[in-house]
C-alpha atoms as a PDB file:
ATOM      1  CA  MET A   1       0.000   0.000   0.000  1.00  0.00           C
ATOM      2  CA  ASN A   2       0.969   3.640  -0.460  1.00  0.00           C
ATOM      3  CA  ILE A   3       0.532   5.513   2.812  1.00  0.00           C
ATOM      4  CA  VAL A   4       0.865   9.175   3.831  1.00  0.00           C
ATOM      5  CA  VAL A   5       2.158   9.750   7.367  1.00  0.00           C
ATOM      6  CA  SER A   6       2.113  13.212   8.926  1.00  0.00           C
ATOM      7  CA  GLY A   7       4.237  14.072  11.925  1.00  0.00           C
ATOM      8  CA  ALA A   8       6.953  11.869  10.457  1.00  0.00           C
ATOM      9  CA  ASP A   9       9.575  13.499  12.676  1.00  0.00           C
ATOM     10  CA  GLY A  10       7.577  12.882  15.860  1.00  0.00           C
ATOM     11  CA  ASN A  11       7.827   9.926  18.213  1.00  0.00           C
ATOM     12  CA  LEU A  12       4.561   8.353  17.099  1.00  0.00           C
ATOM     13  CA  GLY A  13       4.924   9.192  13.415  1.00  0.00           C
ATOM     14  CA  SER A  14       8.411   7.723  13.196  1.00  0.00           C
ATOM     15  CA  ALA A  15       7.260   4.529  14.951  1.00  0.00           C
ATOM     16  CA  VAL A  16       4.380   4.203  12.492  1.00  0.00           C
ATOM     17  CA  ILE A  17       6.743   4.642   9.549  1.00  0.00           C
ATOM     18  CA  ASP A  18       9.170   2.014  10.856  1.00  0.00           C
ATOM     19  CA  ASN A  19       6.322  -0.460  11.302  1.00  0.00           C
ATOM     20  CA  LEU A  20       4.793   0.185   7.897  1.00  0.00           C
ATOM     21  CA  LYS A  21       8.166  -0.065   6.176  1.00  0.00           C
ATOM     22  CA  SER A  22       8.842  -3.400   7.864  1.00  0.00           C
ATOM     23  CA  GLU A  23       5.672  -4.694   6.197  1.00  0.00           C
ATOM     24  CA  GLY A  24       6.786  -3.497   2.770  1.00  0.00           C
ATOM     25  CA  HIS A  25       4.514  -0.492   2.373  1.00  0.00           C
ATOM     26  CA  LYS A  26       5.545   2.675   0.537  1.00  0.00           C
ATOM     27  CA  ILE A  27       5.640   5.800   2.687  1.00  0.00           C
ATOM     28  CA  PHE A  28       5.191   9.473   1.883  1.00  0.00           C
ATOM     29  CA  GLY A  29       6.353  11.199   5.060  1.00  0.00           C
ATOM     30  CA  LEU A  30       5.337  14.732   5.994  1.00  0.00           C
ATOM     31  CA  PHE A  31       7.820  16.452   8.307  1.00  0.00           C
ATOM     32  CA  GLY A  32       7.505  19.600  10.369  1.00  0.00           C
ATOM     33  CA  PHE A  33      11.099  20.716   9.832  1.00  0.00           C
ATOM     34  CA  GLU A  34      13.256  20.675   6.715  1.00  0.00           C
ATOM     35  CA  LYS A  35      16.343  19.570   8.664  1.00  0.00           C
ATOM     36  CA  ASN A  36      14.573  16.369   9.657  1.00  0.00           C
ATOM     37  CA  THR A  37      14.188  15.308   6.027  1.00  0.00           C
ATOM     38  CA  GLN A  38      17.954  15.114   5.482  1.00  0.00           C
ATOM     39  CA  ASN A  39      18.687  11.676   6.965  1.00  0.00           C
ATOM     40  CA  PRO A  40      20.208   9.684   4.068  1.00  0.00           C
ATOM     41  CA  GLU A  41      19.300   6.395   5.770  1.00  0.00           C
ATOM     42  CA  ASP A  42      15.586   7.068   5.327  1.00  0.00           C
ATOM     43  CA  ASP A  43      14.462   5.189   2.234  1.00  0.00           C
ATOM     44  CA  PHE A  44      11.085   6.829   1.729  1.00  0.00           C
ATOM     45  CA  GLN A  45       9.685  10.013   0.222  1.00  0.00           C
ATOM     46  CA  LYS A  46       9.934  13.045   2.499  1.00  0.00           C
ATOM     47  CA  VAL A  47       8.480  16.555   2.401  1.00  0.00           C
ATOM     48  CA  ALA A  48       8.721  19.361   4.963  1.00  0.00           C
ATOM     49  CA  ILE A  49       5.394  21.155   5.277  1.00  0.00           C
ATOM     50  CA  ASP A  50       3.307  23.514   7.382  1.00  0.00           C
ATOM     51  CA  LEU A  51       0.059  21.584   7.701  1.00  0.00           C
ATOM     52  CA  MET A  52      -1.755  24.627   9.038  1.00  0.00           C
ATOM     53  CA  ASP A  53      -1.587  25.920   5.454  1.00  0.00           C
ATOM     54  CA  PRO A  54      -4.358  24.206   3.445  1.00  0.00           C
ATOM     55  CA  LYS A  55      -2.705  24.963   0.094  1.00  0.00           C
ATOM     56  CA  ALA A  56       0.565  23.415   1.232  1.00  0.00           C
ATOM     57  CA  ALA A  57      -1.284  20.357   2.524  1.00  0.00           C
ATOM     58  CA  LYS A  58      -3.121  19.914  -0.766  1.00  0.00           C
ATOM     59  CA  ASN A  59       0.122  20.254  -2.711  1.00  0.00           C
ATOM     60  CA  ALA A  60       1.711  17.560  -0.552  1.00  0.00           C
ATOM     61  CA  VAL A  61      -1.174  15.178  -1.217  1.00  0.00           C
ATOM     62  CA  ASN A  62      -0.897  15.881  -4.941  1.00  0.00           C
ATOM     63  CA  LYS A  63       2.832  15.100  -4.815  1.00  0.00           C
ATOM     64  CA  ALA A  64       2.170  11.821  -3.050  1.00  0.00           C
ATOM     65  CA  HIS A  65      -0.488  10.894  -5.584  1.00  0.00           C
ATOM     66  CA  ASP A  66       1.749  11.830  -8.518  1.00  0.00           C
ATOM     67  CA  LYS A  67       4.573   9.752  -7.041  1.00  0.00           C
ATOM     68  CA  TYR A  68       2.613   6.571  -6.337  1.00  0.00           C
ATOM     69  CA  GLY A  69      -0.438   6.789  -8.574  1.00  0.00           C
ATOM     70  CA  GLU A  70      -2.829   6.204  -5.682  1.00  0.00           C
ATOM     71  CA  ILE A  71      -2.941   6.697  -1.915  1.00  0.00           C
ATOM     72  CA  ASN A  72      -4.376   3.770   0.024  1.00  0.00           C
ATOM     73  CA  GLY A  73      -3.994   5.056   3.558  1.00  0.00           C
ATOM     74  CA  ALA A  74      -3.040   7.924   5.832  1.00  0.00           C
ATOM     75  CA  VAL A  75      -1.883   8.133   9.432  1.00  0.00           C
ATOM     76  CA  LEU A  76      -2.174  11.707  10.677  1.00  0.00           C
ATOM     77  CA  THR A  77      -0.228  12.112  13.914  1.00  0.00           C
ATOM     78  CA  VAL A  78       0.424  15.861  14.195  1.00  0.00           C
ATOM     79  CA  GLY A  79      -0.880  17.447  17.385  1.00  0.00           C
ATOM     80  CA  GLY A  80       0.039  18.811  20.760  1.00  0.00           C
ATOM     81  CA  TYR A  81      -1.152  18.958  24.351  1.00  0.00           C
ATOM     82  CA  ALA A  82      -2.220  21.856  26.570  1.00  0.00           C
ATOM     83  CA  GLY A  83      -3.730  21.658  30.049  1.00  0.00           C
ATOM     84  CA  GLY A  84      -6.057  23.994  31.898  1.00  0.00           C
ATOM     85  CA  GLY A  85      -9.649  24.140  33.081  1.00  0.00           C
ATOM     86  CA  ILE A  86     -12.332  26.443  31.755  1.00  0.00           C
ATOM     87  CA  LYS A  87     -11.304  29.198  34.188  1.00  0.00           C
ATOM     88  CA  ASP A  88      -7.720  29.018  32.972  1.00  0.00           C
ATOM     89  CA  VAL A  89      -8.011  29.058  29.184  1.00  0.00           C
ATOM     90  CA  SER A  90      -8.750  31.862  26.758  1.00  0.00           C
ATOM     91  CA  ILE A  91     -10.466  31.689  23.392  1.00  0.00           C
ATOM     92  CA  GLU A  92      -7.013  32.218  21.884  1.00  0.00           C
ATOM     93  CA  ASP A  93      -5.800  29.083  23.679  1.00  0.00           C
ATOM     94  CA  ILE A  94      -8.686  27.123  22.201  1.00  0.00           C
ATOM     95  CA  HIS A  95      -8.082  28.421  18.684  1.00  0.00           C
ATOM     96  CA  LYS A  96      -4.375  27.577  18.977  1.00  0.00           C
ATOM     97  CA  GLN A  97      -5.171  23.997  19.947  1.00  0.00           C
ATOM     98  CA  ILE A  98      -7.710  23.655  17.145  1.00  0.00           C
ATOM     99  CA  LYS A  99      -5.138  24.833  14.602  1.00  0.00           C
ATOM    100  CA  LEU A 100      -2.560  22.370  15.933  1.00  0.00           C
ATOM    101  CA  ASN A 101      -4.761  19.319  16.460  1.00  0.00           C
ATOM    102  CA  PHE A 102      -7.649  19.719  14.012  1.00  0.00           C
ATOM    103  CA  ASP A 103      -6.567  21.971  11.162  1.00  0.00           C
ATOM    104  CA  THR A 104      -3.428  19.905  10.557  1.00  0.00           C
ATOM    105  CA  ALA A 105      -5.637  16.836  10.083  1.00  0.00           C
ATOM    106  CA  PHE A 106      -8.519  18.420   8.171  1.00  0.00           C
ATOM    107  CA  ASN A 107      -6.198  20.157   5.702  1.00  0.00           C
ATOM    108  CA  LEU A 108      -4.935  16.721   4.664  1.00  0.00           C
ATOM    109  CA  VAL A 109      -8.195  14.801   4.924  1.00  0.00           C
ATOM    110  CA  LYS A 110     -10.028  16.959   2.397  1.00  0.00           C
ATOM    111  CA  PRO A 111      -7.586  16.461  -0.514  1.00  0.00           C
ATOM    112  CA  LEU A 112      -6.911  12.855   0.505  1.00  0.00           C
ATOM    113  CA  LEU A 113     -10.577  11.960   0.121  1.00  0.00           C
ATOM    114  CA  GLU A 114     -10.441  13.267  -3.445  1.00  0.00           C
ATOM    115  CA  LYS A 115      -7.573  10.907  -4.284  1.00  0.00           C
ATOM    116  CA  MET A 116      -8.255   7.729  -2.315  1.00  0.00           C
ATOM    117  CA  PRO A 117      -9.658   4.611  -4.001  1.00  0.00           C
ATOM    118  CA  LYS A 118     -12.231   2.299  -2.463  1.00  0.00           C
ATOM    119  CA  GLY A 119     -11.069   0.466   0.625  1.00  0.00           C
ATOM    120  CA  SER A 120      -8.700   3.185   1.791  1.00  0.00           C
ATOM    121  CA  GLN A 121      -8.242   3.941   5.485  1.00  0.00           C
ATOM    122  CA  ILE A 122      -7.492   7.103   7.443  1.00  0.00           C
ATOM    123  CA  PHE A 123      -6.177   7.031  11.010  1.00  0.00           C
ATOM    124  CA  LEU A 124      -6.629  10.098  13.205  1.00  0.00           C
ATOM    125  CA  ILE A 125      -5.284  10.591  16.724  1.00  0.00           C
ATOM    126  CA  GLY A 126      -7.842  11.328  19.418  1.00  0.00           C
ATOM    127  CA  ALA A 127      -7.396  11.843  23.148  1.00  0.00           C
ATOM    128  CA  LYS A 128      -8.549   9.791  26.119  1.00  0.00           C
ATOM    129  CA  PRO A 129      -9.991  12.778  28.078  1.00  0.00           C
ATOM    130  CA  VAL A 130     -12.612  13.279  25.369  1.00  0.00           C
ATOM    131  CA  LEU A 131     -14.159   9.978  26.472  1.00  0.00           C
ATOM    132  CA  SER A 132     -14.536  11.175  30.073  1.00  0.00           C
ATOM    133  CA  PRO A 133     -16.060  14.546  31.080  1.00  0.00           C
ATOM    134  CA  SER A 134     -14.344  14.310  34.467  1.00  0.00           C
ATOM    135  CA  ASP A 135     -10.986  14.271  32.683  1.00  0.00           C
ATOM    136  CA  LEU A 136     -12.003  16.680  29.950  1.00  0.00           C
ATOM    137  CA  LYS A 137     -12.662  19.483  32.420  1.00  0.00           C
ATOM    138  CA  ASN A 138      -8.921  19.742  33.124  1.00  0.00           C
ATOM    139  CA  VAL A 139      -7.829  19.983  29.471  1.00  0.00           C
ATOM    140  CA  VAL A 140     -10.452  22.233  27.947  1.00  0.00           C
ATOM    141  CA  SER A 141      -8.666  23.674  24.909  1.00  0.00           C
ATOM    142  CA  TYR A 142      -6.963  20.383  24.054  1.00  0.00           C
ATOM    143  CA  GLY A 143     -10.134  18.380  24.625  1.00  0.00           C
ATOM    144  CA  LEU A 144     -12.336  20.629  22.506  1.00  0.00           C
ATOM    145  CA  ALA A 145      -9.846  20.409  19.651  1.00  0.00           C
ATOM    146  CA  LYS A 146      -9.682  16.629  19.899  1.00  0.00           C
ATOM    147  CA  GLN A 147     -13.475  16.367  20.007  1.00  0.00           C
ATOM    148  CA  LEU A 148     -13.438  17.783  16.492  1.00  0.00           C
ATOM    149  CA  ILE A 149     -11.247  14.857  15.444  1.00  0.00           C
ATOM    150  CA  PHE A 150     -13.907  12.390  16.596  1.00  0.00           C
ATOM    151  CA  SER A 151     -16.566  14.338  14.701  1.00  0.00           C
ATOM    152  CA  LEU A 152     -14.405  14.448  11.584  1.00  0.00           C
ATOM    153  CA  ALA A 153     -14.075  10.661  11.623  1.00  0.00           C
ATOM    154  CA  ASP A 154     -17.840  10.277  12.041  1.00  0.00           C
ATOM    155  CA  ILE A 155     -18.432  12.561   9.061  1.00  0.00           C
ATOM    156  CA  ILE A 156     -15.973  10.647   6.876  1.00  0.00           C
ATOM    157  CA  ASN A 157     -17.555   7.315   7.776  1.00  0.00           C
ATOM    158  CA  ALA A 158     -21.049   8.634   7.089  1.00  0.00           C
ATOM    159  CA  ASP A 159     -20.207  10.468   3.872  1.00  0.00           C
ATOM    160  CA  PHE A 160     -17.851   7.942   2.278  1.00  0.00           C
ATOM    161  CA  SER A 161     -19.336   4.617   3.356  1.00  0.00           C
ATOM    162  CA  GLU A 162     -20.423   3.870  -0.218  1.00  0.00           C
ATOM    163  CA  HIS A 163     -16.807   4.372  -1.288  1.00  0.00           C
ATOM    164  CA  GLN A 164     -15.676   2.009   1.489  1.00  0.00           C
ATOM    165  CA  ILE A 165     -13.302   4.639   2.856  1.00  0.00           C
ATOM    166  CA  SER A 166     -12.963   4.208   6.595  1.00  0.00           C
ATOM    167  CA  ALA A 167     -11.759   6.628   9.280  1.00  0.00           C
ATOM    168  CA  HIS A 168     -10.494   5.419  12.644  1.00  0.00           C
ATOM    169  CA  VAL A 169      -9.708   7.440  15.762  1.00  0.00           C
ATOM    170  CA  VAL A 170      -6.816   6.013  17.753  1.00  0.00           C
ATOM    171  CA  VAL A 171      -7.208   7.011  21.402  1.00  0.00           C
ATOM    172  CA  PRO A 172      -3.997   6.585  23.390  1.00  0.00           C
ATOM    173  CA  SER A 173      -3.478   7.080  27.076  1.00  0.00           C
ATOM    174  CA  ILE A 174      -0.156   8.732  27.919  1.00  0.00           C
ATOM    175  CA  ILE A 175       2.332   7.839  25.189  1.00  0.00           C
ATOM    176  CA  ASP A 176       5.770   6.815  26.426  1.00  0.00           C
ATOM    177  CA  THR A 177       7.959   9.480  24.820  1.00  0.00           C
ATOM    178  CA  PRO A 178      11.009  11.392  26.094  1.00  0.00           C
ATOM    179  CA  PRO A 179       9.076  14.694  26.408  1.00  0.00           C
ATOM    180  CA  ASN A 180       6.319  13.011  28.437  1.00  0.00           C
ATOM    181  CA  ARG A 181       8.853  11.338  30.717  1.00  0.00           C
ATOM    182  CA  GLU A 182      10.538  14.684  31.287  1.00  0.00           C
ATOM    183  CA  ALA A 183       7.217  16.397  32.007  1.00  0.00           C
ATOM    184  CA  MET A 184       5.963  13.650  34.364  1.00  0.00           C
ATOM    185  CA  PRO A 185       9.077  12.123  35.973  1.00  0.00           C
ATOM    186  CA  ASP A 186       7.213  10.641  38.953  1.00  0.00           C
ATOM    187  CA  MET A 187       4.805   8.549  36.878  1.00  0.00           C
ATOM    188  CA  ASN A 188       5.156   4.810  36.274  1.00  0.00           C
ATOM    189  CA  PHE A 189       6.380   4.678  32.690  1.00  0.00           C
ATOM    190  CA  ASP A 190       5.650   0.944  32.487  1.00  0.00           C
ATOM    191  CA  ASN A 191       1.934   1.744  32.439  1.00  0.00           C
ATOM    192  CA  TRP A 192       2.186   4.031  29.433  1.00  0.00           C
ATOM    193  CA  VAL A 193       1.472   2.892  25.899  1.00  0.00           C
ATOM    194  CA  LYS A 194       4.539   2.698  23.661  1.00  0.00           C
ATOM    195  CA  PRO A 195       4.573   4.366  20.227  1.00  0.00           C
ATOM    196  CA  GLU A 196       5.495   0.982  18.766  1.00  0.00           C
ATOM    197  CA  GLN A 197       2.377  -0.588  20.292  1.00  0.00           C
ATOM    198  CA  ILE A 198       0.175   2.041  18.677  1.00  0.00           C
ATOM    199  CA  ALA A 199       1.968   1.523  15.369  1.00  0.00           C
ATOM    200  CA  GLN A 200       1.363  -2.226  15.563  1.00  0.00           C
ATOM    201  CA  THR A 201      -2.319  -1.637  16.290  1.00  0.00           C
ATOM    202  CA  ILE A 202      -2.645   0.623  13.267  1.00  0.00           C
ATOM    203  CA  MET A 203      -0.894  -2.001  11.136  1.00  0.00           C
ATOM    204  CA  HIS A 204      -3.401  -4.604  12.326  1.00  0.00           C
ATOM    205  CA  TYR A 205      -6.258  -2.472  11.041  1.00  0.00           C
ATOM    206  CA  PHE A 206      -4.504  -1.869   7.732  1.00  0.00           C
ATOM    207  CA  ASN A 207      -4.197  -5.642   7.374  1.00  0.00           C
ATOM    208  CA  HIS A 208      -7.873  -6.152   8.206  1.00  0.00           C
ATOM    209  CA  PRO A 209      -9.913  -3.609   6.216  1.00  0.00           C
ATOM    210  CA  GLU A 210     -13.086  -5.448   7.153  1.00  0.00           C
ATOM    211  CA  LEU A 211     -12.724  -3.762  10.563  1.00  0.00           C
ATOM    212  CA  ARG A 212     -14.668  -0.631   9.778  1.00  0.00           C
ATOM    213  CA  GLY A 213     -14.033   2.830  11.162  1.00  0.00           C
ATOM    214  CA  GLY A 214     -14.415   3.485  14.841  1.00  0.00           C
ATOM    215  CA  VAL A 215     -12.625   4.294  18.071  1.00  0.00           C
ATOM    216  CA  ILE A 216      -9.469   2.289  18.752  1.00  0.00           C
ATOM    217  CA  LYS A 217      -8.436   2.439  22.408  1.00  0.00           C
ATOM    218  CA  ALA A 218      -4.694   2.158  23.061  1.00  0.00           C
ATOM    219  CA  PHE A 219      -4.427   2.619  26.810  1.00  0.00           C
ATOM    220  CA  GLY A 220      -1.411   0.468  27.688  1.00  0.00           C
ATOM    221  CA  ASN A 221      -1.780  -0.610  31.334  1.00  0.00           C
ATOM    222  CA  MET A 222      -3.766   2.446  32.399  1.00  0.00           C
END
């Protein structure tokens, strides 16, 4: 399969790419920084892009399509966390989180849907607090942005069911990454979900397209 992966220079995106490559799939990786595209050991297509720019996102999808002829899947991992309850956040905080977590996905999803053949799959990254109002109240701007991701997947699955294009929302708990370990040094890292575990879960769904779109919980031991 030919698969677009955004956030290719992130911990989750790079794990997804490694897993997909090990299964023989062709990757079109979207990076946040030009310097991260320079590794000569990477044997896949790479583009540095600002995914908050819809024109740039569309151009990247067109490049991927021109390169491979068709795009069978996408794993869209770009995003970022921000805490704070409703008394702590401003409307600017909310808009910033929407741009980072939703716009970067939507700007790719729209042109991807124009290029994808039947049976294609899109994987979006949700957030566990969205599933629990008691948790959501402490991450208002982040949670509201991630709620849009769930709605986007629902819309794709409703609108493109006849085309057999499926959207999944992967919902991790805390992902075991160096930044998260630094931010939460007193936590039990063994309970966190590993990027490689999420990548393997995504690969399972790619291998079983009969598993239609929905919420995929990846909570580790939490």
